[in-house]
Amino acid sequence: MTDRLSRLARSWDEAAGGYEAYFVPRFAPWVQAAVDAVRELPDGPVVVPCCGTFPELDLLAPRFPDRRIIGVDLSAEMVRLARRRAGERPMVEVVQGDASRLDPAWSPAAVVSVFGLQQLPDPVTAIRSWYDVLRTDGRLRVLYWPEVIEETGPFELLDKVIGAERDRSWEDALLPALDGAVIERDELISYPMTHPDAATYFDAANHAGPLRALALARGDDYVADLRERYVAAAPAGEWTHRPRARLIAVRKPRSRAGAARPTS
């Protein structure tokens, strides 16, 4: 495992319990939208890379009661919580491993990923690998946070305070990487999300979210300074915003000749 992957795994190990408590309820509308986009499948399992604590399972299991459902995550603690959610369901399996490369032997009817793609070291290679393992007529449904999530709000302010320049050129490469796929949907989906106040959101992002990896890399003093500047720049009191996530939905046709661009 590379140093980056090791730090990513450790960060989500530390964040897992808090992520389940704070972010899973807030991300629920987007999870619902991604699962609702999964329909008309061929035979085969449904695979969820970057499953985290596996909130998708609560929606997928009743929709596909006779299908094998497989969750994959790098974090041991996320996997532990996902297995707890799975309980004794005989058709559900949770695997610890690198979610950017799925086992071709699974030959899934669908691959569904919510808010994992942007966390991976090489999102373009990952999305192509997810598509490649699909069986013919299989569906890929990927929902992720794009470069521009919001113009104002807690997410935008955090990026501004951090001030790091990010190379998000990979976003432009996602659809070209899916050469040969039928692009069924490519759209931004927005829902309201509320936080008690700026400090609560920052602490959740730090201890239970994507800021944890940065905190491990830069240290407590760095994060304490970020927090002070973040809270000083944020509005007081309850904070509601409408972040936008990008949904890419594709189908694997029988031949490349069947591929087409979206009509809208």
Protein backbone atom coordinates (compact mmCIF):
# COMPACT_ATOMS: atom_id res chain seq x y z
CA MET A 1 0.00 0.00 0.00
CA THR A 2 1.37 3.45 -0.90
CA ASP A 3 1.90 6.11 1.78
CA ARG A 4 -1.04 8.08 0.41
CA LEU A 5 -3.37 5.09 0.52
CA SER A 6 -2.13 4.19 3.99
CA ARG A 7 -2.84 7.72 5.26
CA LEU A 8 -6.25 7.68 3.54
CA ALA A 9 -7.13 4.37 5.21
CA ARG A 10 -6.00 5.64 8.62
CA SER A 11 -7.95 8.88 8.24
CA TRP A 12 -11.19 7.03 7.50
CA ASP A 13 -10.51 4.52 10.29
CA GLU A 14 -10.44 7.47 12.69
CA ALA A 15 -13.43 9.17 11.04
CA ALA A 16 -15.74 6.17 10.62
CA GLY A 17 -17.92 6.43 13.73
CA GLY A 18 -18.35 10.18 13.45
CA TYR A 19 -19.01 9.93 9.72
CA GLU A 20 -21.85 7.49 10.35
CA ALA A 21 -23.37 9.78 12.99
CA TYR A 22 -22.93 13.18 11.30
CA PHE A 23 -22.59 12.86 7.54
CA VAL A 24 -24.58 9.74 6.68
CA PRO A 25 -27.94 11.34 7.65
CA ARG A 26 -27.03 14.54 5.79
CA PHE A 27 -25.93 12.71 2.66
CA ALA A 28 -29.03 10.48 2.60
CA PRO A 29 -30.89 12.34 -0.21
CA TRP A 30 -27.94 11.89 -2.57
CA VAL A 31 -27.62 8.21 -1.69
CA GLN A 32 -31.32 7.82 -2.44
CA ALA A 33 -30.90 9.55 -5.81
CA ALA A 34 -28.01 7.28 -6.79
CA VAL A 35 -29.87 4.10 -5.83
CA ASP A 36 -33.06 5.29 -7.53
CA ALA A 37 -31.04 5.54 -10.75
CA VAL A 38 -30.28 1.79 -10.61
CA ARG A 39 -32.88 -0.10 -12.61
CA GLU A 40 -33.36 -2.53 -15.51
CA LEU A 41 -30.32 -4.62 -14.66
CA PRO A 42 -29.08 -7.85 -16.20
CA ASP A 43 -28.32 -10.80 -13.93
CA GLY A 44 -25.42 -10.39 -11.54
CA PRO A 45 -24.38 -8.68 -8.30
CA VAL A 46 -24.43 -5.02 -7.33
CA VAL A 47 -21.03 -3.74 -6.20
CA VAL A 48 -20.52 -0.60 -4.12
CA PRO A 49 -16.90 0.65 -4.15
CA CYS A 50 -15.92 3.15 -1.44
CA CYS A 51 -18.92 1.90 0.53
CA GLY A 52 -17.87 3.46 3.83
CA THR A 53 -20.37 2.42 6.48
CA PHE A 54 -22.57 1.18 3.60
CA PRO A 55 -25.70 3.37 3.82
CA GLU A 56 -26.51 2.32 0.23
CA LEU A 57 -27.26 -1.16 1.54
CA ASP A 58 -30.41 -0.06 3.38
CA LEU A 59 -31.87 0.95 0.01
CA LEU A 60 -30.32 -1.67 -2.24
CA ALA A 61 -31.22 -4.75 -0.16
CA PRO A 62 -35.01 -4.33 -0.31
CA ARG A 63 -34.83 -3.28 -3.97
CA PHE A 64 -32.74 -6.30 -4.97
CA PRO A 65 -33.54 -8.97 -2.35
CA ASP A 66 -32.33 -11.87 -4.51
CA ARG A 67 -29.06 -10.33 -5.68
CA ARG A 68 -25.62 -10.53 -4.17
CA ILE A 69 -24.59 -7.08 -2.92
CA ILE A 70 -20.88 -6.41 -2.33
CA GLY A 71 -19.39 -3.40 -0.55
CA VAL A 72 -15.69 -2.55 -0.83
CA ASP A 73 -13.71 -0.08 1.28
CA LEU A 74 -10.06 0.55 2.15
CA SER A 75 -10.73 1.43 5.80
CA ALA A 76 -10.89 -1.44 8.28
CA GLU A 77 -13.13 0.54 10.62
CA MET A 78 -15.51 1.50 7.83
CA VAL A 79 -15.67 -2.17 6.87
CA ARG A 80 -16.40 -3.15 10.47
CA LEU A 81 -19.33 -0.72 10.63
CA ALA A 82 -20.52 -1.78 7.18
CA ARG A 83 -20.53 -5.42 8.26
CA ARG A 84 -22.50 -4.45 11.34
CA ARG A 85 -25.07 -2.80 9.07
CA ALA A 86 -25.16 -5.89 6.85
CA GLY A 87 -25.93 -8.07 9.84
CA GLU A 88 -26.89 -11.61 8.93
CA ARG A 89 -28.07 -10.89 5.39
CA PRO A 90 -26.81 -13.94 3.45
CA MET A 91 -26.60 -12.11 0.10
CA VAL A 92 -24.40 -9.28 1.40
CA GLU A 93 -20.61 -9.25 1.54
CA VAL A 94 -18.27 -6.46 2.69
CA VAL A 95 -14.66 -6.64 1.53
CA GLN A 96 -11.70 -4.61 2.76
CA GLY A 97 -9.52 -3.56 -0.15
CA ASP A 98 -8.59 -0.94 -2.71
CA ALA A 99 -11.93 0.13 -4.16
CA SER A 100 -10.30 1.69 -7.21
CA ARG A 101 -9.84 -1.78 -8.74
CA LEU A 102 -12.66 -4.28 -8.46
CA ASP A 103 -12.43 -8.04 -8.86
CA PRO A 104 -13.36 -8.87 -12.48
CA ALA A 105 -14.70 -12.23 -11.29
CA TRP A 106 -17.63 -10.39 -9.71
CA SER A 107 -18.87 -9.37 -13.20
CA PRO A 108 -21.41 -7.00 -11.66
CA ALA A 109 -24.74 -6.00 -13.11
CA ALA A 110 -24.26 -2.60 -11.47
CA VAL A 111 -21.54 -0.57 -9.79
CA VAL A 112 -22.81 2.20 -7.51
CA SER A 113 -20.52 4.68 -5.77
CA VAL A 114 -21.56 7.70 -3.69
CA PHE A 115 -19.00 10.33 -2.59
CA GLY A 116 -16.00 8.05 -2.97
CA LEU A 117 -14.57 8.91 -6.37
CA GLN A 118 -13.09 12.29 -5.41
CA GLN A 119 -11.26 10.65 -2.49
CA LEU A 120 -9.27 8.24 -4.65
CA PRO A 121 -5.69 8.92 -5.78
CA ASP A 122 -6.58 8.35 -9.47
CA PRO A 123 -10.32 8.89 -10.07
CA VAL A 124 -10.06 8.53 -13.85
CA THR A 125 -8.45 5.10 -13.68
CA ALA A 126 -10.93 4.07 -10.98
CA ILE A 127 -14.07 5.00 -12.92
CA ARG A 128 -12.76 3.21 -16.00
CA SER A 129 -11.95 0.10 -13.97
CA TRP A 130 -15.46 0.14 -12.49
CA TYR A 131 -16.92 0.31 -15.97
CA ASP A 132 -14.65 -2.40 -17.36
CA VAL A 133 -15.75 -5.04 -14.83
CA LEU A 134 -19.45 -4.57 -15.70
CA ARG A 135 -21.12 -7.32 -17.63
CA THR A 136 -22.86 -6.48 -20.90
CA ASP A 137 -25.83 -4.15 -20.34
CA GLY A 138 -24.58 -3.41 -16.81
CA ARG A 139 -25.02 0.01 -15.19
CA LEU A 140 -22.49 2.33 -13.59
CA ARG A 141 -23.85 5.00 -11.22
CA VAL A 142 -21.27 7.39 -9.75
CA LEU A 143 -22.15 10.38 -7.57
CA TYR A 144 -19.29 12.57 -6.39
CA TRP A 145 -18.45 16.09 -5.21
CA PRO A 146 -17.24 18.07 -8.24
CA GLU A 147 -14.76 20.94 -8.36
CA VAL A 148 -17.47 23.56 -7.85
CA ILE A 149 -19.87 22.31 -5.18
CA GLU A 150 -21.29 25.70 -4.20
CA GLU A 151 -20.53 29.40 -4.59
CA THR A 152 -21.10 30.12 -0.91
CA GLY A 153 -21.52 27.83 2.08
CA PRO A 154 -19.58 25.66 4.53
CA PHE A 155 -17.84 23.57 1.86
CA GLU A 156 -16.75 26.59 -0.18
CA LEU A 157 -15.49 28.43 2.89
CA LEU A 158 -13.41 25.44 3.97
CA ASP A 159 -11.71 25.32 0.56
CA LYS A 160 -11.10 29.07 0.76
CA VAL A 161 -9.58 28.91 4.25
CA ILE A 162 -7.34 25.98 3.35
CA GLY A 163 -6.24 27.89 0.26
CA ALA A 164 -4.75 24.84 -1.41
CA GLU A 165 -4.68 24.72 -5.19
CA ARG A 166 -6.21 21.45 -6.30
CA ASP A 167 -5.65 19.74 -9.60
CA ARG A 168 -9.17 18.77 -10.58
CA SER A 169 -8.34 18.32 -14.26
CA TRP A 170 -9.36 14.70 -13.75
CA GLU A 171 -13.00 15.80 -13.86
CA ASP A 172 -12.71 16.72 -17.51
CA ALA A 173 -11.23 13.29 -18.21
CA LEU A 174 -14.05 11.25 -16.67
CA LEU A 175 -16.39 11.00 -19.66
CA PRO A 176 -13.55 10.45 -22.17
CA ALA A 177 -12.35 7.63 -19.90
CA LEU A 178 -15.75 5.99 -20.38
CA ASP A 179 -15.27 5.72 -24.12
CA GLY A 180 -17.67 3.11 -25.46
CA ALA A 181 -20.30 3.66 -22.75
CA VAL A 182 -23.85 4.86 -23.28
CA ILE A 183 -24.10 8.03 -21.21
CA GLU A 184 -27.62 7.95 -19.76
CA ARG A 185 -27.33 10.86 -17.30
CA ASP A 186 -24.76 13.51 -16.45
CA GLU A 187 -26.24 16.11 -14.14
CA LEU A 188 -25.84 18.10 -10.95
CA ILE A 189 -28.10 17.15 -8.03
CA SER A 190 -28.67 19.52 -5.12
CA TYR A 191 -30.43 19.15 -1.76
CA PRO A 192 -30.50 21.31 1.36
CA MET A 193 -28.13 20.42 4.18
CA THR A 194 -28.13 22.03 7.63
CA HIS A 195 -25.39 22.32 10.26
CA PRO A 196 -25.94 23.61 13.81
CA ASP A 197 -23.17 26.17 13.32
CA ALA A 198 -19.82 26.65 11.60
CA ALA A 199 -17.77 25.22 14.46
CA THR A 200 -19.84 22.02 14.50
CA TYR A 201 -19.38 21.53 10.77
CA PHE A 202 -15.63 22.18 10.93
CA ASP A 203 -15.18 19.73 13.79
CA ALA A 204 -17.19 17.11 11.90
CA ALA A 205 -15.08 17.62 8.76
CA ASN A 206 -11.95 17.33 10.88
CA HIS A 207 -12.81 14.35 13.04
CA ALA A 208 -15.38 12.58 10.87
CA GLY A 209 -14.79 13.68 7.32
CA PRO A 210 -12.38 14.46 4.50
CA LEU A 211 -10.32 16.95 6.52
CA ARG A 212 -8.99 14.09 8.66
CA ALA A 213 -6.38 13.07 6.08
CA LEU A 214 -5.10 16.64 5.86
CA ALA A 215 -5.00 16.85 9.65
CA LEU A 216 -2.90 13.69 9.82
CA ALA A 217 -0.51 15.09 7.23
CA ARG A 218 -0.18 18.64 8.63
CA GLY A 219 -0.72 18.25 12.39
CA ASP A 220 -2.94 19.59 15.18
CA ASP A 221 -1.51 23.13 15.24
CA TYR A 222 -2.26 23.58 11.54
CA VAL A 223 -5.84 22.40 12.01
CA ALA A 224 -6.34 24.60 15.09
CA ASP A 225 -5.30 27.63 13.03
CA LEU A 226 -7.66 26.61 10.23
CA ARG A 227 -10.52 26.25 12.68
CA GLU A 228 -9.96 29.70 14.18
CA ARG A 229 -9.93 31.36 10.77
CA TYR A 230 -12.90 29.31 9.54
CA VAL A 231 -15.17 30.16 12.48
CA ALA A 232 -14.17 33.85 12.31
CA ALA A 233 -15.15 34.04 8.63
CA ALA A 234 -18.39 32.05 8.92
CA PRO A 235 -21.89 33.35 9.72
CA ALA A 236 -23.19 32.81 13.24
CA GLY A 237 -25.81 30.23 14.12
CA GLU A 238 -27.48 27.51 12.10
CA TRP A 239 -26.15 27.19 8.56
CA THR A 240 -28.18 25.75 5.67
CA HIS A 241 -26.76 25.37 2.17
CA ARG A 242 -27.47 23.46 -1.06
CA PRO A 243 -24.30 21.71 -2.26
CA ARG A 244 -24.32 20.20 -5.74
CA ALA A 245 -23.08 16.70 -6.53
CA ARG A 246 -22.50 15.31 -10.00
CA LEU A 247 -24.25 12.11 -11.05
CA ILE A 248 -22.80 10.15 -13.96
CA ALA A 249 -24.96 7.23 -15.09
CA VAL A 250 -23.84 4.96 -17.92
CA ARG A 251 -24.71 1.62 -19.48
CA LYS A 252 -22.30 -0.89 -20.99
CA PRO A 253 -23.61 -1.71 -24.46
CA ARG A 254 -23.16 -4.92 -26.38
CA SER A 255 -20.75 -3.21 -28.72
CA ARG A 256 -19.00 0.14 -29.07
CA ALA A 257 -21.37 0.94 -31.94
CA GLY A 258 -24.16 1.23 -29.39
CA ALA A 259 -22.53 4.07 -27.51
CA ALA A 260 -24.07 7.53 -27.64
CA ARG A 261 -23.79 10.91 -25.97
CA PRO A 262 -26.58 12.15 -23.69
CA THR A 263 -29.45 13.93 -25.43
CA SER A 264 -29.92 16.51 -22.68
